[in-house]
Amino acid sequence: MEALSLTAYETTALLFGIILFRYFLVSGAFYVFLYGVKRSRWQHKRIQADYPKRSQLLQEIGWSVVSCTIFALSGTAGEFAWRAGYTQVYLDVHQYGVAYLILSVPLLMFLHDTYFYFVHRLMHHKLVFERVHKVHHQSRNPSPWASFSFHPFEAALEAVILPLLILVVPVHPIALLIFVTIMTIFGVVNHTGYELYAKSFVTNRVLRAWLTTTHHQLHHKFYRTNYGLYFTLWDRWLGTEHAGYEAFFQQIKNQPPVPEAPAPDLPTLVGAAFHGAQGEAEHN
């Protein structure tokens, strides 16, 4: 195959472009929609009333670009491991069947969530937090741009999970693509600052295992609680879920909607969102 003739440098450059594009596409779409189009109409969905400053947004983007580079290097490592035959990536769907193809996605998510939970708790050790994880927690009131905002060492710990997973878990490229897409979208949604999930996500026995934006926002506020990524399971099993999570979630969901207001003009939407975020944060 022609693609296999790419050098390590070319592969990294290609992956960097794809990951960076995906970051700006997903984060930018959520930012423009929530902080621009729905800014006034969905104020009642805000978890914190104020908005992050523009300086924070630019800082989040800067760190995220660095993280994209590290993620690309991790992807290159996985690519070359696959070329060398060291991974469990398979190309024939019938080798494991369609049912496994579907189930492999939640399997990857659970394994990733498990890895993330324990590494995340390690990041909050006093010897590690100040040197590494503090970068991410500079976003006390996170925005969609914070999804990749990591210190390079933390980005490396985040990135290594993908090559590790494909070394031990049989996975088809389709499942891998779905998993990576979910990973990106979930990371952005966790940091939007808006609670977009229905009330049933804390009342339904099954849905309450799914992590909400409020759940992760409480982590950014209180630090030593709510360490999960996709699920609330490990936090509940090990007693690290914030005691007031469900009540706070319900409080956000019970806020009355604000009166309808006309949407801003499209040509000024993005600029208004950035400058408006700075102005309101400074005012508050």
Protein backbone atom coordinates (compact mmCIF):
# COMPACT_ATOMS: atom_id res chain seq x y z
CA MET A 1 0.00 0.00 0.00
CA GLU A 2 1.21 3.46 -0.87
CA ALA A 3 0.32 4.88 2.56
CA LEU A 4 2.75 2.46 4.18
CA SER A 5 5.65 4.13 2.39
CA LEU A 6 5.31 7.26 4.54
CA THR A 7 8.27 8.00 6.78
CA ALA A 8 7.87 8.56 10.51
CA TYR A 9 8.18 12.31 9.98
CA GLU A 10 5.55 12.31 7.22
CA THR A 11 3.20 10.13 9.26
CA THR A 12 3.54 12.43 12.29
CA ALA A 13 2.97 15.53 10.16
CA LEU A 14 -0.13 14.00 8.57
CA LEU A 15 -1.55 12.88 11.91
CA PHE A 16 -0.80 16.27 13.46
CA GLY A 17 -2.79 17.97 10.72
CA ILE A 18 -5.72 15.58 11.16
CA ILE A 19 -5.77 15.85 14.97
CA LEU A 20 -5.39 19.64 14.92
CA PHE A 21 -8.18 19.97 12.35
CA ARG A 22 -10.42 17.70 14.41
CA TYR A 23 -9.68 19.73 17.55
CA PHE A 24 -10.53 23.06 15.92
CA LEU A 25 -13.56 21.60 14.15
CA VAL A 26 -15.18 20.03 17.23
CA SER A 27 -14.09 22.59 19.85
CA GLY A 28 -14.83 25.47 17.50
CA ALA A 29 -18.28 24.14 16.61
CA PHE A 30 -19.28 23.79 20.26
CA TYR A 31 -17.78 27.17 21.13
CA VAL A 32 -19.53 29.07 18.35
CA PHE A 33 -22.84 27.32 19.00
CA LEU A 34 -22.88 27.62 22.80
CA TYR A 35 -20.96 30.85 23.35
CA GLY A 36 -22.39 32.56 20.27
CA VAL A 37 -25.60 31.24 18.74
CA LYS A 38 -27.17 30.03 22.01
CA ARG A 39 -25.31 32.35 24.38
CA SER A 40 -28.32 34.33 25.62
CA ARG A 41 -31.01 31.69 25.08
CA TRP A 42 -29.19 28.93 26.94
CA GLN A 43 -27.85 30.98 29.83
CA HIS A 44 -29.93 28.81 32.17
CA LYS A 45 -27.82 25.80 31.09
CA ARG A 46 -24.58 27.46 32.23
CA ILE A 47 -22.96 25.68 35.18
CA GLN A 48 -21.14 28.86 36.18
CA ALA A 49 -22.79 32.20 35.46
CA ASP A 50 -19.60 33.93 34.33
CA TYR A 51 -17.56 33.19 31.20
CA PRO A 52 -13.83 32.49 30.82
CA LYS A 53 -11.58 35.37 29.83
CA ARG A 54 -10.18 35.59 26.32
CA SER A 55 -6.66 35.18 27.75
CA GLN A 56 -7.71 31.80 29.17
CA LEU A 57 -9.19 30.73 25.83
CA LEU A 58 -5.96 31.58 24.00
CA GLN A 59 -3.92 29.76 26.64
CA GLU A 60 -6.11 26.66 26.27
CA ILE A 61 -5.65 26.72 22.50
CA GLY A 62 -1.88 27.14 22.83
CA TRP A 63 -1.46 24.16 25.15
CA SER A 64 -3.83 22.13 22.96
CA VAL A 65 -1.68 22.67 19.86
CA VAL A 66 1.29 21.28 21.80
CA SER A 67 -0.84 18.33 22.89
CA CYS A 68 -1.85 17.66 19.27
CA THR A 69 1.84 17.27 18.43
CA ILE A 70 2.30 14.69 21.19
CA PHE A 71 -0.88 12.85 20.16
CA ALA A 72 0.46 12.70 16.62
CA LEU A 73 3.71 11.16 17.85
CA SER A 74 1.70 8.58 19.78
CA GLY A 75 -0.31 7.81 16.65
CA THR A 76 2.90 7.35 14.67
CA ALA A 77 4.15 4.88 17.29
CA GLY A 78 0.91 2.94 16.96
CA GLU A 79 1.11 3.02 13.16
CA PHE A 80 4.65 1.63 13.09
CA ALA A 81 3.79 -1.00 15.70
CA TRP A 82 0.94 -2.10 13.41
CA ARG A 83 3.26 -2.21 10.40
CA ALA A 84 5.65 -4.41 12.38
CA GLY A 85 2.83 -6.78 13.32
CA TYR A 86 2.89 -6.08 17.06
CA THR A 87 -0.71 -4.89 17.43
CA GLN A 88 -4.06 -6.65 17.62
CA VAL A 89 -5.55 -4.50 14.84
CA TYR A 90 -7.41 -6.67 12.34
CA LEU A 91 -8.90 -5.77 8.95
CA ASP A 92 -11.40 -8.58 8.33
CA VAL A 93 -14.66 -7.83 10.19
CA HIS A 94 -15.63 -11.51 10.08
CA GLN A 95 -12.52 -12.49 12.02
CA TYR A 96 -14.29 -11.53 15.28
CA GLY A 97 -17.79 -10.83 13.97
CA VAL A 98 -20.03 -7.77 13.84
CA ALA A 99 -21.18 -8.16 17.46
CA TYR A 100 -17.59 -7.88 18.72
CA LEU A 101 -16.96 -4.93 16.40
CA ILE A 102 -19.83 -3.08 18.09
CA LEU A 103 -18.98 -4.17 21.64
CA SER A 104 -15.30 -3.38 21.23
CA VAL A 105 -16.11 0.35 21.32
CA PRO A 106 -17.59 0.37 24.86
CA LEU A 107 -14.82 -2.05 25.86
CA LEU A 108 -12.18 0.45 24.71
CA MET A 109 -14.05 3.23 26.49
CA PHE A 110 -14.17 1.31 29.78
CA LEU A 111 -10.47 0.40 29.61
CA HIS A 112 -9.59 3.99 28.75
CA ASP A 113 -11.79 5.29 31.56
CA THR A 114 -10.09 2.92 34.01
CA TYR A 115 -6.63 4.02 32.93
CA PHE A 116 -7.65 7.69 33.02
CA TYR A 117 -9.20 7.46 36.47
CA PHE A 118 -6.07 6.11 38.18
CA VAL A 119 -3.62 8.25 36.21
CA HIS A 120 -5.80 11.28 36.92
CA ARG A 121 -5.72 10.57 40.65
CA LEU A 122 -1.94 10.24 40.44
CA MET A 123 -1.84 13.65 38.73
CA HIS A 124 -3.37 15.15 41.85
CA HIS A 125 -0.53 13.99 44.07
CA LYS A 126 1.17 17.10 45.42
CA LEU A 127 4.50 16.20 43.78
CA VAL A 128 2.88 15.91 40.35
CA PHE A 129 0.08 18.44 40.43
CA GLU A 130 2.14 21.63 40.68
CA ARG A 131 4.62 20.53 38.02
CA VAL A 132 2.20 18.97 35.54
CA HIS A 133 -1.57 18.82 36.08
CA LYS A 134 -1.87 22.42 37.25
CA VAL A 135 -1.78 23.50 33.60
CA HIS A 136 -5.14 21.87 32.94
CA HIS A 137 -6.62 23.22 36.17
CA GLN A 138 -5.76 26.78 35.23
CA SER A 139 -9.12 26.48 33.49
CA ARG A 140 -11.20 26.77 36.66
CA ASN A 141 -14.12 27.73 34.42
CA PRO A 142 -13.30 25.60 31.37
CA SER A 143 -14.35 26.21 27.78
CA PRO A 144 -14.57 23.79 24.84
CA TRP A 145 -10.98 24.76 23.98
CA ALA A 146 -9.75 23.18 27.24
CA SER A 147 -10.29 19.61 26.04
CA PHE A 148 -6.62 19.19 24.98
CA SER A 149 -5.11 21.82 27.28
CA PHE A 150 -2.40 19.76 28.99
CA HIS A 151 1.19 20.05 30.11
CA PRO A 152 3.34 18.06 27.61
CA PHE A 153 4.03 15.35 30.21
CA GLU A 154 0.33 14.94 30.90
CA ALA A 155 -0.39 14.93 27.16
CA ALA A 156 2.12 12.08 26.81
CA LEU A 157 0.36 10.10 29.56
CA GLU A 158 -2.96 10.79 27.85
CA ALA A 159 -1.57 9.75 24.46
CA VAL A 160 0.13 6.49 25.44
CA ILE A 161 -3.16 4.72 26.14
CA LEU A 162 -4.04 4.33 22.44
CA PRO A 163 -0.89 2.40 21.44
CA LEU A 164 -1.22 0.32 24.60
CA LEU A 165 -4.82 -0.58 23.83
CA ILE A 166 -4.14 -1.76 20.30
CA LEU A 167 -1.27 -3.90 21.56
CA VAL A 168 -3.58 -6.01 23.71
CA VAL A 169 -7.17 -5.53 22.47
CA PRO A 170 -8.31 -6.85 19.07
CA VAL A 171 -9.74 -3.82 17.31
CA HIS A 172 -10.96 -3.08 13.80
CA PRO A 173 -10.08 0.33 12.27
CA ILE A 174 -13.80 1.19 12.13
CA ALA A 175 -14.14 0.66 15.89
CA LEU A 176 -10.91 2.57 16.45
CA LEU A 177 -12.20 5.53 14.42
CA ILE A 178 -15.48 5.55 16.35
CA PHE A 179 -13.61 5.36 19.65
CA VAL A 180 -11.27 8.25 18.79
CA THR A 181 -14.23 10.35 17.62
CA ILE A 182 -16.11 9.68 20.87
CA MET A 183 -12.95 10.52 22.80
CA THR A 184 -12.68 13.89 21.08
CA ILE A 185 -16.35 14.84 21.37
CA PHE A 186 -16.57 13.69 24.98
CA GLY A 187 -13.47 15.67 25.95
CA VAL A 188 -15.02 18.81 24.47
CA VAL A 189 -18.49 18.29 25.97
CA ASN A 190 -16.96 17.73 29.41
CA HIS A 191 -15.49 21.24 29.23
CA THR A 192 -18.26 23.25 27.56
CA GLY A 193 -19.48 24.80 30.80
CA TYR A 194 -23.06 24.01 29.74
CA GLU A 195 -25.13 21.12 31.09
CA LEU A 196 -26.62 19.58 27.96
CA TYR A 197 -27.71 16.22 29.37
CA ALA A 198 -31.29 15.41 30.42
CA LYS A 199 -32.36 15.13 34.07
CA SER A 200 -32.52 11.34 33.72
CA PHE A 201 -28.72 11.19 33.68
CA VAL A 202 -28.74 11.32 37.48
CA THR A 203 -32.04 9.51 38.13
CA ASN A 204 -31.94 6.57 35.73
CA ARG A 205 -29.99 3.55 37.05
CA VAL A 206 -28.21 3.00 33.73
CA LEU A 207 -27.76 6.58 32.55
CA ARG A 208 -26.29 7.74 35.85
CA ALA A 209 -23.18 5.72 34.98
CA TRP A 210 -22.58 8.19 32.13
CA LEU A 211 -20.45 11.20 33.10
CA THR A 212 -22.04 14.64 32.63
CA THR A 213 -20.53 18.08 32.14
CA THR A 214 -21.54 19.04 35.68
CA HIS A 215 -19.71 16.00 37.02
CA HIS A 216 -16.44 17.07 35.42
CA GLN A 217 -16.98 20.77 36.15
CA LEU A 218 -17.13 19.93 39.85
CA HIS A 219 -13.70 18.34 39.44
CA HIS A 220 -12.34 21.60 38.02
CA LYS A 221 -13.83 23.44 40.98
CA PHE A 222 -12.99 21.12 43.87
CA TYR A 223 -9.98 19.19 42.42
CA ARG A 224 -10.02 16.06 44.61
CA THR A 225 -13.25 14.55 43.41
CA ASN A 226 -14.87 13.26 40.19
CA TYR A 227 -11.84 11.82 38.37
CA GLY A 228 -13.67 9.89 35.63
CA LEU A 229 -13.61 10.50 31.89
CA TYR A 230 -16.62 8.73 30.33
CA PHE A 231 -18.29 7.07 33.30
CA THR A 232 -19.01 7.79 36.95
CA LEU A 233 -18.40 4.13 37.88
CA TRP A 234 -14.92 4.30 39.38
CA ASP A 235 -15.78 7.46 41.32
CA ARG A 236 -18.81 5.74 42.82
CA TRP A 237 -17.03 2.43 43.44
CA LEU A 238 -14.07 4.09 45.19
CA GLY A 239 -15.97 6.87 46.95
CA THR A 240 -14.48 9.83 45.10
CA GLU A 241 -17.69 11.20 43.61
CA HIS A 242 -18.64 14.62 44.96
CA ALA A 243 -21.40 14.20 47.55
CA GLY A 244 -23.40 17.10 46.15
CA TYR A 245 -23.11 16.13 42.49
CA GLU A 246 -26.67 14.95 41.90
CA ALA A 247 -28.22 17.87 43.81
CA PHE A 248 -26.09 20.38 41.93
CA PHE A 249 -26.95 18.74 38.59
CA GLN A 250 -30.66 18.96 39.42
CA GLN A 251 -30.24 22.59 40.47
CA ILE A 252 -28.75 23.43 37.06
CA LYS A 253 -31.46 21.51 35.21
CA ASN A 254 -34.24 23.24 37.18
CA GLN A 255 -33.10 26.75 36.30
CA PRO A 256 -35.85 28.51 34.31
CA PRO A 257 -35.03 29.37 30.70
CA VAL A 258 -34.38 32.98 29.84
CA PRO A 259 -36.68 34.80 27.39
CA GLU A 260 -35.98 34.21 23.71
CA ALA A 261 -33.65 36.73 22.12
CA PRO A 262 -32.72 37.21 18.47
CA ALA A 263 -29.58 35.38 17.36
CA PRO A 264 -26.55 37.60 16.62
CA ASP A 265 -25.54 38.36 13.06
CA LEU A 266 -23.40 35.56 11.66
CA PRO A 267 -20.50 37.79 10.44
CA THR A 268 -19.89 39.06 14.00
CA LEU A 269 -20.68 35.82 15.83
CA VAL A 270 -17.20 34.47 16.52
CA GLY A 271 -15.68 37.84 17.42
CA ALA A 272 -18.60 38.69 19.68
CA ALA A 273 -18.24 35.38 21.47
CA PHE A 274 -14.53 35.87 22.18
CA HIS A 275 -14.72 39.52 23.17
CA GLY A 276 -17.96 39.04 25.07
CA ALA A 277 -16.45 36.22 27.10
CA GLN A 278 -13.58 38.45 28.11
CA GLY A 279 -15.82 41.37 28.99
CA GLU A 280 -18.25 39.44 31.16
CA ALA A 281 -15.52 37.57 33.00
CA GLU A 282 -13.66 40.78 33.80
CA HIS A 283 -16.90 42.45 34.91
CA ASN A 284 -17.67 39.60 37.27
